[in-house]
């Protein structure tokens, strides 16, 4: 029996948040199990995600004002591996 892969939305921190702007943006990711997620999509040119698309990241929920916040990418687990790298 294969595990079901679930598509979810996580918050991606930005390397350089704009003054007065968002510090994180919602992105789609596949839940891989536990607290690991594979980031989907293409990084927009106008902002810089902290972690690249296709990377596996660890996510966590923070609690603020007594309420649980959305999942936020907090650490890189596995970088993106290109097809060329796999052939070596």
PDB file of N, CA and C in Angstrom:
ATOM      1  N   UNK A   1       0.835  -1.173   0.000  1.00  0.00           N
ATOM      2  CA  UNK A   1       0.000   0.000   0.000  1.00  0.00           C
ATOM      3  C   UNK A   1       0.885   1.244   0.000  1.00  0.00           C
ATOM      4  N   UNK A   2       0.590   2.207  -0.884  1.00  0.00           N
ATOM      5  CA  UNK A   2       1.394   3.417  -0.967  1.00  0.00           C
ATOM      6  C   UNK A   2       0.768   4.522  -0.132  1.00  0.00           C
ATOM      7  N   UNK A   3       1.617   5.363   0.394  1.00  0.00           N
ATOM      8  CA  UNK A   3       1.144   6.488   1.198  1.00  0.00           C
ATOM      9  C   UNK A   3       0.586   7.565   0.278  1.00  0.00           C
ATOM     10  N   UNK A   4      -0.443   8.238   0.726  1.00  0.00           N
ATOM     11  CA  UNK A   4      -1.039   9.318  -0.046  1.00  0.00           C
ATOM     12  C   UNK A   4      -0.208  10.581   0.118  1.00  0.00           C
ATOM     13  N   UNK A   5       0.116  11.219  -1.001  1.00  0.00           N
ATOM     14  CA  UNK A   5       0.846  12.480  -0.968  1.00  0.00           C
ATOM     15  C   UNK A   5      -0.188  13.600  -0.937  1.00  0.00           C
ATOM     16  N   UNK A   6      -0.052  14.500   0.001  1.00  0.00           N
ATOM     17  CA  UNK A   6      -1.030  15.562   0.189  1.00  0.00           C
ATOM     18  C   UNK A   6      -0.445  16.897  -0.224  1.00  0.00           C
ATOM     19  N   UNK A   7      -1.196  17.651  -1.026  1.00  0.00           N
ATOM     20  CA  UNK A   7      -0.796  18.994  -1.426  1.00  0.00           C
ATOM     21  C   UNK A   7      -1.318  19.979  -0.383  1.00  0.00           C
ATOM     22  N   UNK A   8      -0.423  20.809   0.143  1.00  0.00           N
ATOM     23  CA  UNK A   8      -0.784  21.764   1.190  1.00  0.00           C
ATOM     24  C   UNK A   8      -0.192  23.135   0.867  1.00  0.00           C
ATOM     25  N   UNK A   9      -0.592  24.131   1.630  1.00  0.00           N
ATOM     26  CA  UNK A   9      -0.004  25.469   1.531  1.00  0.00           C
ATOM     27  C   UNK A   9       0.844  25.711   2.772  1.00  0.00           C
ATOM     28  N   UNK A  10       2.082  26.155   2.545  1.00  0.00           N
ATOM     29  CA  UNK A  10       2.971  26.533   3.646  1.00  0.00           C
ATOM     30  C   UNK A  10       3.388  27.984   3.433  1.00  0.00           C
ATOM     31  N   UNK A  11       3.933  28.592   4.458  1.00  0.00           N
ATOM     32  CA  UNK A  11       4.471  29.942   4.315  1.00  0.00           C
ATOM     33  C   UNK A  11       5.977  29.869   4.086  1.00  0.00           C
ATOM     34  N   UNK A  12       6.421  30.553   3.040  1.00  0.00           N
ATOM     35  CA  UNK A  12       7.838  30.593   2.688  1.00  0.00           C
ATOM     36  C   UNK A  12       8.427  31.924   3.130  1.00  0.00           C
ATOM     37  N   UNK A  13       9.363  31.905   4.092  1.00  0.00           N
ATOM     38  CA  UNK A  13      10.021  33.158   4.492  1.00  0.00           C
ATOM     39  C   UNK A  13      10.795  33.744   3.311  1.00  0.00           C
ATOM     40  N   UNK A  14      10.894  35.060   3.297  1.00  0.00           N
ATOM     41  CA  UNK A  14      11.656  35.749   2.253  1.00  0.00           C
ATOM     42  C   UNK A  14      13.031  36.113   2.790  1.00  0.00           C
ATOM     43  N   UNK A  15      14.043  36.020   1.919  1.00  0.00           N
ATOM     44  CA  UNK A  15      15.405  36.397   2.322  1.00  0.00           C
ATOM     45  C   UNK A  15      15.479  37.874   2.653  1.00  0.00           C
ATOM     46  N   UNK A  16      14.826  38.677   1.824  1.00  0.00           N
ATOM     47  CA  UNK A  16      14.865  40.123   1.993  1.00  0.00           C
ATOM     48  C   UNK A  16      13.441  40.657   1.965  1.00  0.00           C
ATOM     49  N   UNK A  17      12.761  40.658   3.109  1.00  0.00           N
ATOM     50  CA  UNK A  17      11.403  41.207   3.125  1.00  0.00           C
ATOM     51  C   UNK A  17      11.429  42.691   2.768  1.00  0.00           C
ATOM     52  N   UNK A  18      10.426  43.115   2.036  1.00  0.00           N
ATOM     53  CA  UNK A  18      10.328  44.521   1.671  1.00  0.00           C
ATOM     54  C   UNK A  18       9.848  45.317   2.883  1.00  0.00           C
ATOM     55  N   UNK A  19      10.318  46.527   3.013  1.00  0.00           N
ATOM     56  CA  UNK A  19       9.919  47.381   4.131  1.00  0.00           C
ATOM     57  C   UNK A  19       8.399  47.519   4.146  1.00  0.00           C
ATOM     58  N   UNK A  20       7.802  47.155   5.264  1.00  0.00           N
ATOM     59  CA  UNK A  20       6.355  47.241   5.394  1.00  0.00           C
ATOM     60  C   UNK A  20       5.607  46.161   4.640  1.00  0.00           C
ATOM     61  N   UNK A  21       6.350  45.244   4.029  1.00  0.00           N
ATOM     62  CA  UNK A  21       5.708  44.195   3.237  1.00  0.00           C
ATOM     63  C   UNK A  21       5.681  42.861   3.964  1.00  0.00           C
ATOM     64  N   UNK A  22       5.292  41.847   3.229  1.00  0.00           N
ATOM     65  CA  UNK A  22       5.216  40.504   3.793  1.00  0.00           C
ATOM     66  C   UNK A  22       6.599  39.959   4.104  1.00  0.00           C
ATOM     67  N   UNK A  23       6.678  39.200   5.199  1.00  0.00           N
ATOM     68  CA  UNK A  23       7.917  38.519   5.550  1.00  0.00           C
ATOM     69  C   UNK A  23       7.918  37.089   5.038  1.00  0.00           C
ATOM     70  N   UNK A  24       6.738  36.592   4.652  1.00  0.00           N
ATOM     71  CA  UNK A  24       6.597  35.240   4.121  1.00  0.00           C
ATOM     72  C   UNK A  24       5.424  35.224   3.154  1.00  0.00           C
ATOM     73  N   UNK A  25       5.511  34.344   2.170  1.00  0.00           N
ATOM     74  CA  UNK A  25       4.442  34.218   1.181  1.00  0.00           C
ATOM     75  C   UNK A  25       3.930  32.789   1.160  1.00  0.00           C
ATOM     76  N   UNK A  26       2.634  32.594   0.866  1.00  0.00           N
ATOM     77  CA  UNK A  26       2.108  31.236   0.764  1.00  0.00           C
ATOM     78  C   UNK A  26       2.604  30.560  -0.515  1.00  0.00           C
ATOM     79  N   UNK A  27       3.025  29.303  -0.390  1.00  0.00           N
ATOM     80  CA  UNK A  27       3.445  28.492  -1.541  1.00  0.00           C
ATOM     81  C   UNK A  27       2.846  27.092  -1.387  1.00  0.00           C
ATOM     82  N   UNK A  28       2.714  26.379  -2.482  1.00  0.00           N
ATOM     83  CA  UNK A  28       2.227  25.009  -2.460  1.00  0.00           C
ATOM     84  C   UNK A  28       3.394  24.065  -2.196  1.00  0.00           C
ATOM     85  N   UNK A  29       3.098  22.973  -1.504  1.00  0.00           N
ATOM     86  CA  UNK A  29       4.124  21.978  -1.190  1.00  0.00           C
ATOM     87  C   UNK A  29       3.460  20.617  -1.029  1.00  0.00           C
ATOM     88  N   UNK A  30       4.212  19.570  -1.308  1.00  0.00           N
ATOM     89  CA  UNK A  30       3.763  18.208  -1.042  1.00  0.00           C
ATOM     90  C   UNK A  30       4.195  17.834   0.361  1.00  0.00           C
ATOM     91  N   UNK A  31       3.279  17.298   1.157  1.00  0.00           N
ATOM     92  CA  UNK A  31       3.620  16.802   2.490  1.00  0.00           C
ATOM     93  C   UNK A  31       4.259  15.434   2.307  1.00  0.00           C
ATOM     94  N   UNK A  32       5.489  15.269   2.740  1.00  0.00           N
ATOM     95  CA  UNK A  32       6.237  14.025   2.558  1.00  0.00           C
ATOM     96  C   UNK A  32       6.169  13.121   3.777  1.00  0.00           C
ATOM     97  N   UNK A  33       5.601  13.611   4.853  1.00  0.00           N
ATOM     98  CA  UNK A  33       5.538  12.859   6.102  1.00  0.00           C
ATOM     99  C   UNK A  33       6.244  13.604   7.203  1.00  0.00           C
ATOM    100  N   UNK A  34       5.748  13.427   8.414  1.00  0.00           N
ATOM    101  CA  UNK A  34       6.332  14.138   9.545  1.00  0.00           C
ATOM    102  C   UNK A  34       6.241  15.628   9.311  1.00  0.00           C
ATOM    103  N   UNK A  35       7.357  16.322   9.484  1.00  0.00           N
ATOM    104  CA  UNK A  35       7.360  17.769   9.264  1.00  0.00           C
ATOM    105  C   UNK A  35       8.148  18.159   8.007  1.00  0.00           C
ATOM    106  N   UNK A  36       8.240  17.221   7.034  1.00  0.00           N
ATOM    107  CA  UNK A  36       8.974  17.465   5.792  1.00  0.00           C
ATOM    108  C   UNK A  36       8.017  17.723   4.632  1.00  0.00           C
ATOM    109  N   UNK A  37       8.384  18.723   3.822  1.00  0.00           N
ATOM    110  CA  UNK A  37       7.558  19.161   2.698  1.00  0.00           C
ATOM    111  C   UNK A  37       8.456  19.468   1.511  1.00  0.00           C
ATOM    112  N   UNK A  38       7.989  19.131   0.287  1.00  0.00           N
ATOM    113  CA  UNK A  38       8.723  19.494  -0.935  1.00  0.00           C
ATOM    114  C   UNK A  38       8.053  20.725  -1.525  1.00  0.00           C
ATOM    115  N   UNK A  39       8.829  21.803  -1.676  1.00  0.00           N
ATOM    116  CA  UNK A  39       8.330  23.082  -2.183  1.00  0.00           C
ATOM    117  C   UNK A  39       8.047  22.961  -3.680  1.00  0.00           C
ATOM    118  N   UNK A  40       6.868  23.424  -4.094  1.00  0.00           N
ATOM    119  CA  UNK A  40       6.476  23.385  -5.498  1.00  0.00           C
ATOM    120  C   UNK A  40       6.469  24.783  -6.088  1.00  0.00           C
ATOM    121  N   UNK A  41       6.394  24.832  -7.396  1.00  0.00           N
ATOM    122  CA  UNK A  41       6.269  26.114  -8.077  1.00  0.00           C
ATOM    123  C   UNK A  41       7.605  26.697  -8.470  1.00  0.00           C
ATOM    124  N   UNK A  42       7.522  27.875  -9.050  1.00  0.00           N
ATOM    125  CA  UNK A  42       8.711  28.589  -9.491  1.00  0.00           C
ATOM    126  C   UNK A  42       8.810  29.878  -8.683  1.00  0.00           C
ATOM    127  N   UNK A  43       9.992  30.152  -8.190  1.00  0.00           N
ATOM    128  CA  UNK A  43      10.196  31.354  -7.388  1.00  0.00           C
ATOM    129  C   UNK A  43       9.998  32.591  -8.255  1.00  0.00           C
ATOM    130  N   UNK A  44       9.116  33.499  -7.840  1.00  0.00           N
ATOM    131  CA  UNK A  44       8.920  34.734  -8.613  1.00  0.00           C
ATOM    132  C   UNK A  44      10.198  35.566  -8.640  1.00  0.00           C
ATOM    133  N   UNK A  45      10.388  36.308  -9.714  1.00  0.00           N
ATOM    134  CA  UNK A  45      11.585  37.138  -9.853  1.00  0.00           C
ATOM    135  C   UNK A  45      11.614  38.304  -8.870  1.00  0.00           C
ATOM    136  N   UNK A  46      10.443  38.787  -8.455  1.00  0.00           N
ATOM    137  CA  UNK A  46      10.396  39.995  -7.642  1.00  0.00           C
ATOM    138  C   UNK A  46      10.596  39.753  -6.146  1.00  0.00           C
ATOM    139  N   UNK A  47      10.658  38.498  -5.727  1.00  0.00           N
ATOM    140  CA  UNK A  47      10.963  38.249  -4.316  1.00  0.00           C
ATOM    141  C   UNK A  47      11.880  37.047  -4.192  1.00  0.00           C
ATOM    142  N   UNK A  48      12.515  36.942  -3.084  1.00  0.00           N
ATOM    143  CA  UNK A  48      13.498  35.878  -2.879  1.00  0.00           C
ATOM    144  C   UNK A  48      13.066  34.966  -1.755  1.00  0.00           C
ATOM    145  N   UNK A  49      12.687  33.748  -2.118  1.00  0.00           N
ATOM    146  CA  UNK A  49      12.348  32.760  -1.101  1.00  0.00           C
ATOM    147  C   UNK A  49      13.610  32.378  -0.348  1.00  0.00           C
ATOM    148  N   UNK A  50      13.465  32.057   0.918  1.00  0.00           N
ATOM    149  CA  UNK A  50      14.608  31.623   1.723  1.00  0.00           C
ATOM    150  C   UNK A  50      15.118  30.261   1.259  1.00  0.00           C
ATOM    151  N   UNK A  51      14.205  29.406   0.754  1.00  0.00           N
ATOM    152  CA  UNK A  51      14.566  28.064   0.283  1.00  0.00           C
ATOM    153  C   UNK A  51      14.092  27.904  -1.157  1.00  0.00           C
ATOM    154  N   UNK A  52      14.829  27.163  -2.002  1.00  0.00           N
ATOM    155  CA  UNK A  52      14.475  27.068  -3.423  1.00  0.00           C
ATOM    156  C   UNK A  52      13.290  26.142  -3.681  1.00  0.00           C
ATOM    157  N   UNK A  53      12.653  26.361  -4.828  1.00  0.00           N
ATOM    158  CA  UNK A  53      11.608  25.449  -5.286  1.00  0.00           C
ATOM    159  C   UNK A  53      12.218  24.061  -5.470  1.00  0.00           C
ATOM    160  N   UNK A  54      11.438  23.037  -5.225  1.00  0.00           N
ATOM    161  CA  UNK A  54      11.820  21.616  -5.335  1.00  0.00           C
ATOM    162  C   UNK A  54      12.680  21.121  -4.170  1.00  0.00           C
ATOM    163  N   UNK A  55      13.079  22.003  -3.269  1.00  0.00           N
ATOM    164  CA  UNK A  55      13.836  21.563  -2.098  1.00  0.00           C
ATOM    165  C   UNK A  55      12.886  20.938  -1.080  1.00  0.00           C
ATOM    166  N   UNK A  56      13.436  20.083  -0.220  1.00  0.00           N
ATOM    167  CA  UNK A  56      12.679  19.549   0.909  1.00  0.00           C
ATOM    168  C   UNK A  56      12.997  20.414   2.112  1.00  0.00           C
ATOM    169  N   UNK A  57      11.938  20.911   2.760  1.00  0.00           N
ATOM    170  CA  UNK A  57      12.111  21.781   3.917  1.00  0.00           C
ATOM    171  C   UNK A  57      11.404  21.187   5.131  1.00  0.00           C
ATOM    172  N   UNK A  58      11.877  21.589   6.308  1.00  0.00           N
ATOM    173  CA  UNK A  58      11.198  21.238   7.557  1.00  0.00           C
ATOM    174  C   UNK A  58      10.300  22.410   7.907  1.00  0.00           C
ATOM    175  N   UNK A  59       9.062  22.099   8.282  1.00  0.00           N
ATOM    176  CA  UNK A  59       8.106  23.137   8.638  1.00  0.00           C
ATOM    177  C   UNK A  59       7.700  23.006  10.093  1.00  0.00           C
ATOM    178  N   UNK A  60       7.275  24.119  10.654  1.00  0.00           N
ATOM    179  CA  UNK A  60       6.805  24.140  12.039  1.00  0.00           C
ATOM    180  C   UNK A  60       5.649  25.115  12.142  1.00  0.00           C
ATOM    181  N   UNK A  61       4.840  24.880  13.156  1.00  0.00           N
ATOM    182  CA  UNK A  61       3.755  25.820  13.472  1.00  0.00           C
ATOM    183  C   UNK A  61       4.183  26.606  14.698  1.00  0.00           C
ATOM    184  N   UNK A  62       3.923  27.874  14.673  1.00  0.00           N
ATOM    185  CA  UNK A  62       4.216  28.739  15.808  1.00  0.00           C
ATOM    186  C   UNK A  62       2.888  29.088  16.480  1.00  0.00           C
ATOM    187  N   UNK A  63       2.948  29.385  17.757  1.00  0.00           N
ATOM    188  CA  UNK A  63       1.763  29.823  18.465  1.00  0.00           C
ATOM    189  C   UNK A  63       1.917  31.303  18.770  1.00  0.00           C
ATOM    190  N   UNK A  64       0.891  32.082  18.434  1.00  0.00           N
ATOM    191  CA  UNK A  64       0.911  33.514  18.698  1.00  0.00           C
ATOM    192  C   UNK A  64      -0.475  33.948  19.148  1.00  0.00           C
ATOM    193  N   UNK A  65      -0.522  34.714  20.191  1.00  0.00           N
ATOM    194  CA  UNK A  65      -1.790  35.208  20.736  1.00  0.00           C
ATOM    195  C   UNK A  65      -2.757  34.068  21.038  1.00  0.00           C
ATOM    196  N   UNK A  66      -2.222  32.942  21.487  1.00  0.00           N
ATOM    197  CA  UNK A  66      -3.054  31.812  21.871  1.00  0.00           C
ATOM    198  C   UNK A  66      -3.594  30.984  20.718  1.00  0.00           C
ATOM    199  N   UNK A  67      -3.215  31.311  19.485  1.00  0.00           N
ATOM    200  CA  UNK A  67      -3.716  30.571  18.324  1.00  0.00           C
ATOM    201  C   UNK A  67      -2.552  29.974  17.543  1.00  0.00           C
ATOM    202  N   UNK A  68      -2.767  28.779  16.985  1.00  0.00           N
ATOM    203  CA  UNK A  68      -1.742  28.156  16.149  1.00  0.00           C
ATOM    204  C   UNK A  68      -1.682  28.871  14.799  1.00  0.00           C
ATOM    205  N   UNK A  69      -0.495  29.147  14.346  1.00  0.00           N
ATOM    206  CA  UNK A  69      -0.277  29.825  13.072  1.00  0.00           C
ATOM    207  C   UNK A  69      -0.089  28.792  11.963  1.00  0.00           C
ATOM    208  N   UNK A  70      -0.152  29.206  10.700  1.00  0.00           N
ATOM    209  CA  UNK A  70       0.068  28.276   9.580  1.00  0.00           C
ATOM    210  C   UNK A  70       1.471  27.682   9.607  1.00  0.00           C
ATOM    211  N   UNK A  71       1.660  26.605   8.851  1.00  0.00           N
ATOM    212  CA  UNK A  71       2.987  25.988   8.714  1.00  0.00           C
ATOM    213  C   UNK A  71       3.947  26.962   8.055  1.00  0.00           C
ATOM    214  N   UNK A  72       5.158  27.054   8.613  1.00  0.00           N
ATOM    215  CA  UNK A  72       6.196  27.928   8.071  1.00  0.00           C
ATOM    216  C   UNK A  72       7.444  27.095   7.810  1.00  0.00           C
ATOM    217  N   UNK A  73       8.053  27.265   6.633  1.00  0.00           N
ATOM    218  CA  UNK A  73       9.318  26.593   6.321  1.00  0.00           C
ATOM    219  C   UNK A  73      10.399  27.180   7.220  1.00  0.00           C
ATOM    220  N   UNK A  74      11.097  26.313   7.986  1.00  0.00           N
ATOM    221  CA  UNK A  74      12.089  26.813   8.945  1.00  0.00           C
ATOM    222  C   UNK A  74      13.509  26.319   8.684  1.00  0.00           C
ATOM    223  N   UNK A  75      13.664  25.241   7.883  1.00  0.00           N
ATOM    224  CA  UNK A  75      15.018  24.717   7.649  1.00  0.00           C
ATOM    225  C   UNK A  75      15.059  23.914   6.361  1.00  0.00           C
ATOM    226  N   UNK A  76      16.193  23.944   5.700  1.00  0.00           N
ATOM    227  CA  UNK A  76      16.421  23.139   4.507  1.00  0.00           C
ATOM    228  C   UNK A  76      16.819  21.731   4.935  1.00  0.00           C
ATOM    229  N   UNK A  77      16.104  20.732   4.434  1.00  0.00           N
ATOM    230  CA  UNK A  77      16.413  19.338   4.752  1.00  0.00           C
ATOM    231  C   UNK A  77      17.254  18.732   3.641  1.00  0.00           C
ATOM    232  N   UNK A  78      16.841  18.970   2.396  1.00  0.00           N
ATOM    233  CA  UNK A  78      17.533  18.400   1.247  1.00  0.00           C
ATOM    234  C   UNK A  78      17.478  19.400   0.100  1.00  0.00           C
ATOM    235  N   UNK A  79      18.637  19.781  -0.429  1.00  0.00           N
ATOM    236  CA  UNK A  79      18.636  20.735  -1.540  1.00  0.00           C
ATOM    237  C   UNK A  79      18.090  20.099  -2.810  1.00  0.00           C
ATOM    238  N   UNK A  80      17.851  20.924  -3.792  1.00  0.00           N
ATOM    239  CA  UNK A  80      17.382  20.466  -5.094  1.00  0.00           C
ATOM    240  C   UNK A  80      18.487  19.669  -5.758  1.00  0.00           C
ATOM    241  N   UNK A  81      18.131  18.524  -6.343  1.00  0.00           N
ATOM    242  CA  UNK A  81      19.085  17.689  -7.066  1.00  0.00           C
ATOM    243  C   UNK A  81      18.697  17.697  -8.534  1.00  0.00           C
ATOM    244  N   UNK A  82      19.575  18.183  -9.377  1.00  0.00           N
ATOM    245  CA  UNK A  82      19.276  18.240 -10.809  1.00  0.00           C
ATOM    246  C   UNK A  82      19.486  16.876 -11.446  1.00  0.00           C
ATOM    247  N   UNK A  83      18.909  16.685 -12.623  1.00  0.00           N
ATOM    248  CA  UNK A  83      19.060  15.426 -13.359  1.00  0.00           C
ATOM    249  C   UNK A  83      20.532  15.194 -13.691  1.00  0.00           C
ATOM    250  N   UNK A  84      21.286  16.259 -13.963  1.00  0.00           N
ATOM    251  CA  UNK A  84      22.716  16.132 -14.282  1.00  0.00           C
ATOM    252  C   UNK A  84      23.489  15.610 -13.071  1.00  0.00           C
ATOM    253  N   UNK A  85      23.133  16.107 -11.872  1.00  0.00           N
ATOM    254  CA  UNK A  85      23.800  15.658 -10.646  1.00  0.00           C
ATOM    255  C   UNK A  85      23.531  14.180 -10.388  1.00  0.00           C
ATOM    256  N   UNK A  86      22.315  13.700 -10.700  1.00  0.00           N
ATOM    257  CA  UNK A  86      21.960  12.327 -10.473  1.00  0.00           C
ATOM    258  C   UNK A  86      22.715  11.387 -11.413  1.00  0.00           C
ATOM    259  N   UNK A  87      23.107  11.875 -12.614  1.00  0.00           N
ATOM    260  CA  UNK A  87      23.795  11.040 -13.603  1.00  0.00           C
ATOM    261  C   UNK A  87      25.255  10.805 -13.234  1.00  0.00           C
ATOM    262  N   UNK A  88      25.829  11.671 -12.411  1.00  0.00           N
ATOM    263  CA  UNK A  88      27.245  11.538 -12.027  1.00  0.00           C
ATOM    264  C   UNK A  88      27.493  10.381 -11.100  1.00  0.00           C
TER     265      UNK A  88
END
